[in-house]
Amino acid sequence: MDWTSIVVALITGGLAFLGVLVSNRKTGALIAYRLQQLEAKVDKHNHFAERMPVIEEQIKVVNHRIEDLERRADG
């Protein structure tokens, strides 16, 4: 085996390894960004889910007031 073949193989392997590292770093950054966006959507949904029971209760109150007004108008 020739030293030049070994050196070429080591250089090629090193460059391939660097390419994998760069690719993994970019992929990791993209995954982190997408996870951040998903967390923001979940937080928004959770906020909406917290407000829904309050809105439902307010609708019940409004409906009762309307029924009372209709009874007064009919009576």
PDB file of N, CA and C in Angstrom:
ATOM      1  N   MET A   1       0.842  -1.176   0.000  1.00  0.00           N
ATOM      2  CA  MET A   1       0.000   0.000   0.000  1.00  0.00           C
ATOM      3  C   MET A   1       0.888   1.240   0.000  1.00  0.00           C
ATOM      4  N   ASP A   2       0.483   2.171  -0.713  1.00  0.00           N
ATOM      5  CA  ASP A   2       1.231   3.402  -0.972  1.00  0.00           C
ATOM      6  C   ASP A   2       0.773   4.501   0.002  1.00  0.00           C
ATOM      7  N   TRP A   3       1.699   5.351   0.482  1.00  0.00           N
ATOM      8  CA  TRP A   3       1.371   6.432   1.425  1.00  0.00           C
ATOM      9  C   TRP A   3       0.415   7.446   0.802  1.00  0.00           C
ATOM     10  N   THR A   4       0.549   7.679  -0.459  1.00  0.00           N
ATOM     11  CA  THR A   4      -0.345   8.656  -1.108  1.00  0.00           C
ATOM     12  C   THR A   4      -1.796   8.170  -1.081  1.00  0.00           C
ATOM     13  N   SER A   5      -1.996   6.892  -1.231  1.00  0.00           N
ATOM     14  CA  SER A   5      -3.364   6.340  -1.176  1.00  0.00           C
ATOM     15  C   SER A   5      -3.955   6.533   0.219  1.00  0.00           C
ATOM     16  N   ILE A   6      -3.132   6.335   1.234  1.00  0.00           N
ATOM     17  CA  ILE A   6      -3.602   6.502   2.609  1.00  0.00           C
ATOM     18  C   ILE A   6      -3.940   7.970   2.883  1.00  0.00           C
ATOM     19  N   VAL A   7      -3.072   8.874   2.443  1.00  0.00           N
ATOM     20  CA  VAL A   7      -3.298  10.311   2.649  1.00  0.00           C
ATOM     21  C   VAL A   7      -4.561  10.753   1.917  1.00  0.00           C
ATOM     22  N   VAL A   8      -4.718  10.320   0.682  1.00  0.00           N
ATOM     23  CA  VAL A   8      -5.918  10.672  -0.077  1.00  0.00           C
ATOM     24  C   VAL A   8      -7.171  10.126   0.607  1.00  0.00           C
ATOM     25  N   ALA A   9      -7.107   8.912   1.091  1.00  0.00           N
ATOM     26  CA  ALA A   9      -8.258   8.322   1.783  1.00  0.00           C
ATOM     27  C   ALA A   9      -8.585   9.097   3.057  1.00  0.00           C
ATOM     28  N   LEU A  10      -7.544   9.491   3.817  1.00  0.00           N
ATOM     29  CA  LEU A  10      -7.774  10.262   5.039  1.00  0.00           C
ATOM     30  C   LEU A  10      -8.368  11.640   4.733  1.00  0.00           C
ATOM     31  N   ILE A  11      -7.861  12.293   3.707  1.00  0.00           N
ATOM     32  CA  ILE A  11      -8.395  13.617   3.321  1.00  0.00           C
ATOM     33  C   ILE A  11      -9.841  13.482   2.861  1.00  0.00           C
ATOM     34  N   THR A  12     -10.124  12.497   2.050  1.00  0.00           N
ATOM     35  CA  THR A  12     -11.490  12.281   1.561  1.00  0.00           C
ATOM     36  C   THR A  12     -12.427  11.972   2.724  1.00  0.00           C
ATOM     37  N   GLY A  13     -11.999  11.121   3.630  1.00  0.00           N
ATOM     38  CA  GLY A  13     -12.816  10.789   4.795  1.00  0.00           C
ATOM     39  C   GLY A  13     -13.049  12.001   5.675  1.00  0.00           C
ATOM     40  N   GLY A  14     -12.005  12.811   5.874  1.00  0.00           N
ATOM     41  CA  GLY A  14     -12.138  14.028   6.689  1.00  0.00           C
ATOM     42  C   GLY A  14     -13.111  15.016   6.074  1.00  0.00           C
ATOM     43  N   LEU A  15     -13.009  15.206   4.770  1.00  0.00           N
ATOM     44  CA  LEU A  15     -13.925  16.132   4.090  1.00  0.00           C
ATOM     45  C   LEU A  15     -15.366  15.613   4.123  1.00  0.00           C
ATOM     46  N   ALA A  16     -15.538  14.327   3.959  1.00  0.00           N
ATOM     47  CA  ALA A  16     -16.877  13.742   4.040  1.00  0.00           C
ATOM     48  C   ALA A  16     -17.453  13.936   5.441  1.00  0.00           C
ATOM     49  N   PHE A  17     -16.609  13.756   6.462  1.00  0.00           N
ATOM     50  CA  PHE A  17     -17.044  13.949   7.842  1.00  0.00           C
ATOM     51  C   PHE A  17     -17.446  15.395   8.086  1.00  0.00           C
ATOM     52  N   LEU A  18     -16.671  16.348   7.573  1.00  0.00           N
ATOM     53  CA  LEU A  18     -17.022  17.766   7.705  1.00  0.00           C
ATOM     54  C   LEU A  18     -18.344  18.073   7.003  1.00  0.00           C
ATOM     55  N   GLY A  19     -18.555  17.478   5.847  1.00  0.00           N
ATOM     56  CA  GLY A  19     -19.820  17.681   5.135  1.00  0.00           C
ATOM     57  C   GLY A  19     -21.008  17.186   5.942  1.00  0.00           C
ATOM     58  N   VAL A  20     -20.844  16.040   6.583  1.00  0.00           N
ATOM     59  CA  VAL A  20     -21.914  15.489   7.423  1.00  0.00           C
ATOM     60  C   VAL A  20     -22.173  16.405   8.610  1.00  0.00           C
ATOM     61  N   LEU A  21     -21.113  16.923   9.231  1.00  0.00           N
ATOM     62  CA  LEU A  21     -21.282  17.824  10.375  1.00  0.00           C
ATOM     63  C   LEU A  21     -22.037  19.093   9.983  1.00  0.00           C
ATOM     64  N   VAL A  22     -21.670  19.687   8.861  1.00  0.00           N
ATOM     65  CA  VAL A  22     -22.344  20.909   8.402  1.00  0.00           C
ATOM     66  C   VAL A  22     -23.811  20.618   8.094  1.00  0.00           C
ATOM     67  N   SER A  23     -24.056  19.517   7.428  1.00  0.00           N
ATOM     68  CA  SER A  23     -25.424  19.145   7.087  1.00  0.00           C
ATOM     69  C   SER A  23     -26.261  18.909   8.343  1.00  0.00           C
ATOM     70  N   ASN A  24     -25.706  18.204   9.318  1.00  0.00           N
ATOM     71  CA  ASN A  24     -26.430  17.939  10.561  1.00  0.00           C
ATOM     72  C   ASN A  24     -26.704  19.222  11.333  1.00  0.00           C
ATOM     73  N   ARG A  25     -25.766  20.146  11.312  1.00  0.00           N
ATOM     74  CA  ARG A  25     -25.948  21.409  12.014  1.00  0.00           C
ATOM     75  C   ARG A  25     -27.105  22.203  11.392  1.00  0.00           C
ATOM     76  N   LYS A  26     -27.154  22.241  10.063  1.00  0.00           N
ATOM     77  CA  LYS A  26     -28.239  22.956   9.375  1.00  0.00           C
ATOM     78  C   LYS A  26     -29.581  22.283   9.647  1.00  0.00           C
ATOM     79  N   THR A  27     -29.590  20.970   9.610  1.00  0.00           N
ATOM     80  CA  THR A  27     -30.826  20.227   9.875  1.00  0.00           C
ATOM     81  C   THR A  27     -31.289  20.469  11.310  1.00  0.00           C
ATOM     82  N   GLY A  28     -30.352  20.472  12.255  1.00  0.00           N
ATOM     83  CA  GLY A  28     -30.689  20.726  13.655  1.00  0.00           C
ATOM     84  C   GLY A  28     -31.267  22.118  13.845  1.00  0.00           C
ATOM     85  N   ALA A  29     -30.707  23.099  13.152  1.00  0.00           N
ATOM     86  CA  ALA A  29     -31.219  24.470  13.245  1.00  0.00           C
ATOM     87  C   ALA A  29     -32.629  24.555  12.671  1.00  0.00           C
ATOM     88  N   LEU A  30     -32.874  23.872  11.577  1.00  0.00           N
ATOM     89  CA  LEU A  30     -34.206  23.874  10.974  1.00  0.00           C
ATOM     90  C   LEU A  30     -35.219  23.203  11.899  1.00  0.00           C
ATOM     91  N   ILE A  31     -34.843  22.091  12.491  1.00  0.00           N
ATOM     92  CA  ILE A  31     -35.743  21.392  13.417  1.00  0.00           C
ATOM     93  C   ILE A  31     -36.041  22.279  14.618  1.00  0.00           C
ATOM     94  N   ALA A  32     -35.030  22.963  15.152  1.00  0.00           N
ATOM     95  CA  ALA A  32     -35.232  23.855  16.298  1.00  0.00           C
ATOM     96  C   ALA A  32     -36.192  24.985  15.935  1.00  0.00           C
ATOM     97  N   TYR A  33     -36.033  25.554  14.736  1.00  0.00           N
ATOM     98  CA  TYR A  33     -36.914  26.638  14.291  1.00  0.00           C
ATOM     99  C   TYR A  33     -38.351  26.147  14.155  1.00  0.00           C
ATOM    100  N   ARG A  34     -38.534  24.997  13.526  1.00  0.00           N
ATOM    101  CA  ARG A  34     -39.885  24.470  13.328  1.00  0.00           C
ATOM    102  C   ARG A  34     -40.535  24.100  14.654  1.00  0.00           C
ATOM    103  N   LEU A  35     -39.751  23.598  15.599  1.00  0.00           N
ATOM    104  CA  LEU A  35     -40.269  23.277  16.923  1.00  0.00           C
ATOM    105  C   LEU A  35     -40.714  24.546  17.640  1.00  0.00           C
ATOM    106  N   GLN A  36     -39.947  25.599  17.489  1.00  0.00           N
ATOM    107  CA  GLN A  36     -40.300  26.893  18.079  1.00  0.00           C
ATOM    108  C   GLN A  36     -41.633  27.392  17.508  1.00  0.00           C
ATOM    109  N   GLN A  37     -41.799  27.273  16.200  1.00  0.00           N
ATOM    110  CA  GLN A  37     -43.046  27.707  15.566  1.00  0.00           C
ATOM    111  C   GLN A  37     -44.226  26.868  16.054  1.00  0.00           C
ATOM    112  N   LEU A  38     -44.012  25.581  16.205  1.00  0.00           N
ATOM    113  CA  LEU A  38     -45.067  24.693  16.689  1.00  0.00           C
ATOM    114  C   LEU A  38     -45.442  25.036  18.128  1.00  0.00           C
ATOM    115  N   GLU A  39     -44.454  25.338  18.959  1.00  0.00           N
ATOM    116  CA  GLU A  39     -44.729  25.727  20.347  1.00  0.00           C
ATOM    117  C   GLU A  39     -45.556  27.001  20.391  1.00  0.00           C
ATOM    118  N   ALA A  40     -45.266  27.948  19.506  1.00  0.00           N
ATOM    119  CA  ALA A  40     -46.032  29.197  19.458  1.00  0.00           C
ATOM    120  C   ALA A  40     -47.488  28.913  19.089  1.00  0.00           C
ATOM    121  N   LYS A  41     -47.711  28.007  18.137  1.00  0.00           N
ATOM    122  CA  LYS A  41     -49.076  27.658  17.754  1.00  0.00           C
ATOM    123  C   LYS A  41     -49.809  26.965  18.896  1.00  0.00           C
ATOM    124  N   VAL A  42     -49.127  26.094  19.614  1.00  0.00           N
ATOM    125  CA  VAL A  42     -49.741  25.393  20.743  1.00  0.00           C
ATOM    126  C   VAL A  42     -50.100  26.387  21.844  1.00  0.00           C
ATOM    127  N   ASP A  43     -49.212  27.340  22.116  1.00  0.00           N
ATOM    128  CA  ASP A  43     -49.501  28.360  23.128  1.00  0.00           C
ATOM    129  C   ASP A  43     -50.729  29.179  22.737  1.00  0.00           C
ATOM    130  N   LYS A  44     -50.822  29.531  21.470  1.00  0.00           N
ATOM    131  CA  LYS A  44     -51.976  30.294  20.989  1.00  0.00           C
ATOM    132  C   LYS A  44     -53.257  29.475  21.156  1.00  0.00           C
ATOM    133  N   HIS A  45     -53.198  28.207  20.808  1.00  0.00           N
ATOM    134  CA  HIS A  45     -54.362  27.334  20.947  1.00  0.00           C
ATOM    135  C   HIS A  45     -54.752  27.180  22.409  1.00  0.00           C
ATOM    136  N   ASN A  46     -53.776  27.009  23.292  1.00  0.00           N
ATOM    137  CA  ASN A  46     -54.068  26.864  24.712  1.00  0.00           C
ATOM    138  C   ASN A  46     -54.732  28.114  25.268  1.00  0.00           C
ATOM    139  N   HIS A  47     -54.280  29.273  24.824  1.00  0.00           N
ATOM    140  CA  HIS A  47     -54.889  30.522  25.272  1.00  0.00           C
ATOM    141  C   HIS A  47     -56.352  30.574  24.829  1.00  0.00           C
ATOM    142  N   PHE A  48     -56.597  30.162  23.603  1.00  0.00           N
ATOM    143  CA  PHE A  48     -57.974  30.128  23.088  1.00  0.00           C
ATOM    144  C   PHE A  48     -58.815  29.142  23.894  1.00  0.00           C
ATOM    145  N   ALA A  49     -58.258  27.988  24.210  1.00  0.00           N
ATOM    146  CA  ALA A  49     -58.985  26.964  24.959  1.00  0.00           C
ATOM    147  C   ALA A  49     -59.303  27.447  26.376  1.00  0.00           C
ATOM    148  N   GLU A  50     -58.442  28.272  26.950  1.00  0.00           N
ATOM    149  CA  GLU A  50     -58.709  28.829  28.276  1.00  0.00           C
ATOM    150  C   GLU A  50     -59.851  29.833  28.229  1.00  0.00           C
ATOM    151  N   ARG A  51     -59.962  30.579  27.153  1.00  0.00           N
ATOM    152  CA  ARG A  51     -60.982  31.620  27.047  1.00  0.00           C
ATOM    153  C   ARG A  51     -62.351  31.076  26.672  1.00  0.00           C
ATOM    154  N   MET A  52     -62.407  29.934  26.032  1.00  0.00           N
ATOM    155  CA  MET A  52     -63.688  29.394  25.555  1.00  0.00           C
ATOM    156  C   MET A  52     -64.715  29.207  26.672  1.00  0.00           C
ATOM    157  N   PRO A  53     -64.403  28.604  27.805  1.00  0.00           N
ATOM    158  CA  PRO A  53     -65.414  28.460  28.851  1.00  0.00           C
ATOM    159  C   PRO A  53     -65.948  29.811  29.341  1.00  0.00           C
ATOM    160  N   VAL A  54     -65.094  30.824  29.377  1.00  0.00           N
ATOM    161  CA  VAL A  54     -65.535  32.167  29.784  1.00  0.00           C
ATOM    162  C   VAL A  54     -66.538  32.701  28.776  1.00  0.00           C
ATOM    163  N   ILE A  55     -66.246  32.542  27.506  1.00  0.00           N
ATOM    164  CA  ILE A  55     -67.149  33.018  26.448  1.00  0.00           C
ATOM    165  C   ILE A  55     -68.466  32.254  26.502  1.00  0.00           C
ATOM    166  N   GLU A  56     -68.403  30.957  26.720  1.00  0.00           N
ATOM    167  CA  GLU A  56     -69.632  30.158  26.806  1.00  0.00           C
ATOM    168  C   GLU A  56     -70.508  30.638  27.964  1.00  0.00           C
ATOM    169  N   GLU A  57     -69.901  30.944  29.087  1.00  0.00           N
ATOM    170  CA  GLU A  57     -70.664  31.441  30.239  1.00  0.00           C
ATOM    171  C   GLU A  57     -71.288  32.797  29.922  1.00  0.00           C
ATOM    172  N   GLN A  58     -70.548  33.647  29.243  1.00  0.00           N
ATOM    173  CA  GLN A  58     -71.085  34.954  28.860  1.00  0.00           C
ATOM    174  C   GLN A  58     -72.259  34.796  27.904  1.00  0.00           C
ATOM    175  N   ILE A  59     -72.197  33.847  27.005  1.00  0.00           N
ATOM    176  CA  ILE A  59     -73.305  33.598  26.076  1.00  0.00           C
ATOM    177  C   ILE A  59     -74.543  33.134  26.835  1.00  0.00           C
ATOM    178  N   LYS A  60     -74.359  32.295  27.837  1.00  0.00           N
ATOM    179  CA  LYS A  60     -75.497  31.844  28.654  1.00  0.00           C
ATOM    180  C   LYS A  60     -76.162  33.030  29.340  1.00  0.00           C
ATOM    181  N   VAL A  61     -75.350  33.927  29.891  1.00  0.00           N
ATOM    182  CA  VAL A  61     -75.893  35.110  30.571  1.00  0.00           C
ATOM    183  C   VAL A  61     -76.669  35.971  29.580  1.00  0.00           C
ATOM    184  N   VAL A  62     -76.112  36.183  28.417  1.00  0.00           N
ATOM    185  CA  VAL A  62     -76.793  36.996  27.401  1.00  0.00           C
ATOM    186  C   VAL A  62     -78.108  36.345  26.983  1.00  0.00           C
ATOM    187  N   ASN A  63     -78.091  35.033  26.792  1.00  0.00           N
ATOM    188  CA  ASN A  63     -79.325  34.334  26.410  1.00  0.00           C
ATOM    189  C   ASN A  63     -80.395  34.473  27.486  1.00  0.00           C
ATOM    190  N   HIS A  64     -80.013  34.383  28.746  1.00  0.00           N
ATOM    191  CA  HIS A  64     -80.989  34.561  29.832  1.00  0.00           C
ATOM    192  C   HIS A  64     -81.552  35.983  29.828  1.00  0.00           C
ATOM    193  N   ARG A  65     -80.710  36.954  29.596  1.00  0.00           N
ATOM    194  CA  ARG A  65     -81.187  38.348  29.541  1.00  0.00           C
ATOM    195  C   ARG A  65     -82.168  38.542  28.392  1.00  0.00           C
ATOM    196  N   ILE A  66     -81.859  37.945  27.247  1.00  0.00           N
ATOM    197  CA  ILE A  66     -82.758  38.054  26.087  1.00  0.00           C
ATOM    198  C   ILE A  66     -84.101  37.396  26.406  1.00  0.00           C
ATOM    199  N   GLU A  67     -84.060  36.225  27.036  1.00  0.00           N
ATOM    200  CA  GLU A  67     -85.306  35.540  27.409  1.00  0.00           C
ATOM    201  C   GLU A  67     -86.121  36.390  28.375  1.00  0.00           C
ATOM    202  N   ASP A  68     -85.464  37.022  29.346  1.00  0.00           N
ATOM    203  CA  ASP A  68     -86.166  37.898  30.286  1.00  0.00           C
ATOM    204  C   ASP A  68     -86.813  39.073  29.563  1.00  0.00           C
ATOM    205  N   LEU A  69     -86.096  39.663  28.632  1.00  0.00           N
ATOM    206  CA  LEU A  69     -86.640  40.795  27.875  1.00  0.00           C
ATOM    207  C   LEU A  69     -87.819  40.352  27.007  1.00  0.00           C
ATOM    208  N   GLU A  70     -87.713  39.172  26.402  1.00  0.00           N
ATOM    209  CA  GLU A  70     -88.820  38.674  25.587  1.00  0.00           C
ATOM    210  C   GLU A  70     -90.048  38.416  26.437  1.00  0.00           C
ATOM    211  N   ARG A  71     -89.865  37.885  27.646  1.00  0.00           N
ATOM    212  CA  ARG A  71     -91.001  37.636  28.552  1.00  0.00           C
ATOM    213  C   ARG A  71     -91.659  38.952  28.950  1.00  0.00           C
ATOM    214  N   ARG A  72     -90.847  39.977  29.228  1.00  0.00           N
ATOM    215  CA  ARG A  72     -91.409  41.287  29.584  1.00  0.00           C
ATOM    216  C   ARG A  72     -92.182  41.883  28.417  1.00  0.00           C
ATOM    217  N   ALA A  73     -91.660  41.691  27.195  1.00  0.00           N
ATOM    218  CA  ALA A  73     -92.323  42.263  26.021  1.00  0.00           C
ATOM    219  C   ALA A  73     -93.644  41.530  25.753  1.00  0.00           C
ATOM    220  N   ASP A  74     -93.694  40.225  26.022  1.00  0.00           N
ATOM    221  CA  ASP A  74     -94.904  39.450  25.772  1.00  0.00           C
ATOM    222  C   ASP A  74     -95.943  39.672  26.884  1.00  0.00           C
ATOM    223  N   GLY A  75     -95.466  39.933  28.096  1.00  0.00           N
ATOM    224  CA  GLY A  75     -96.358  39.987  29.249  1.00  0.00           C
ATOM    225  C   GLY A  75     -96.972  41.278  29.469  1.00  0.00           C
TER     226      GLY A  75
END
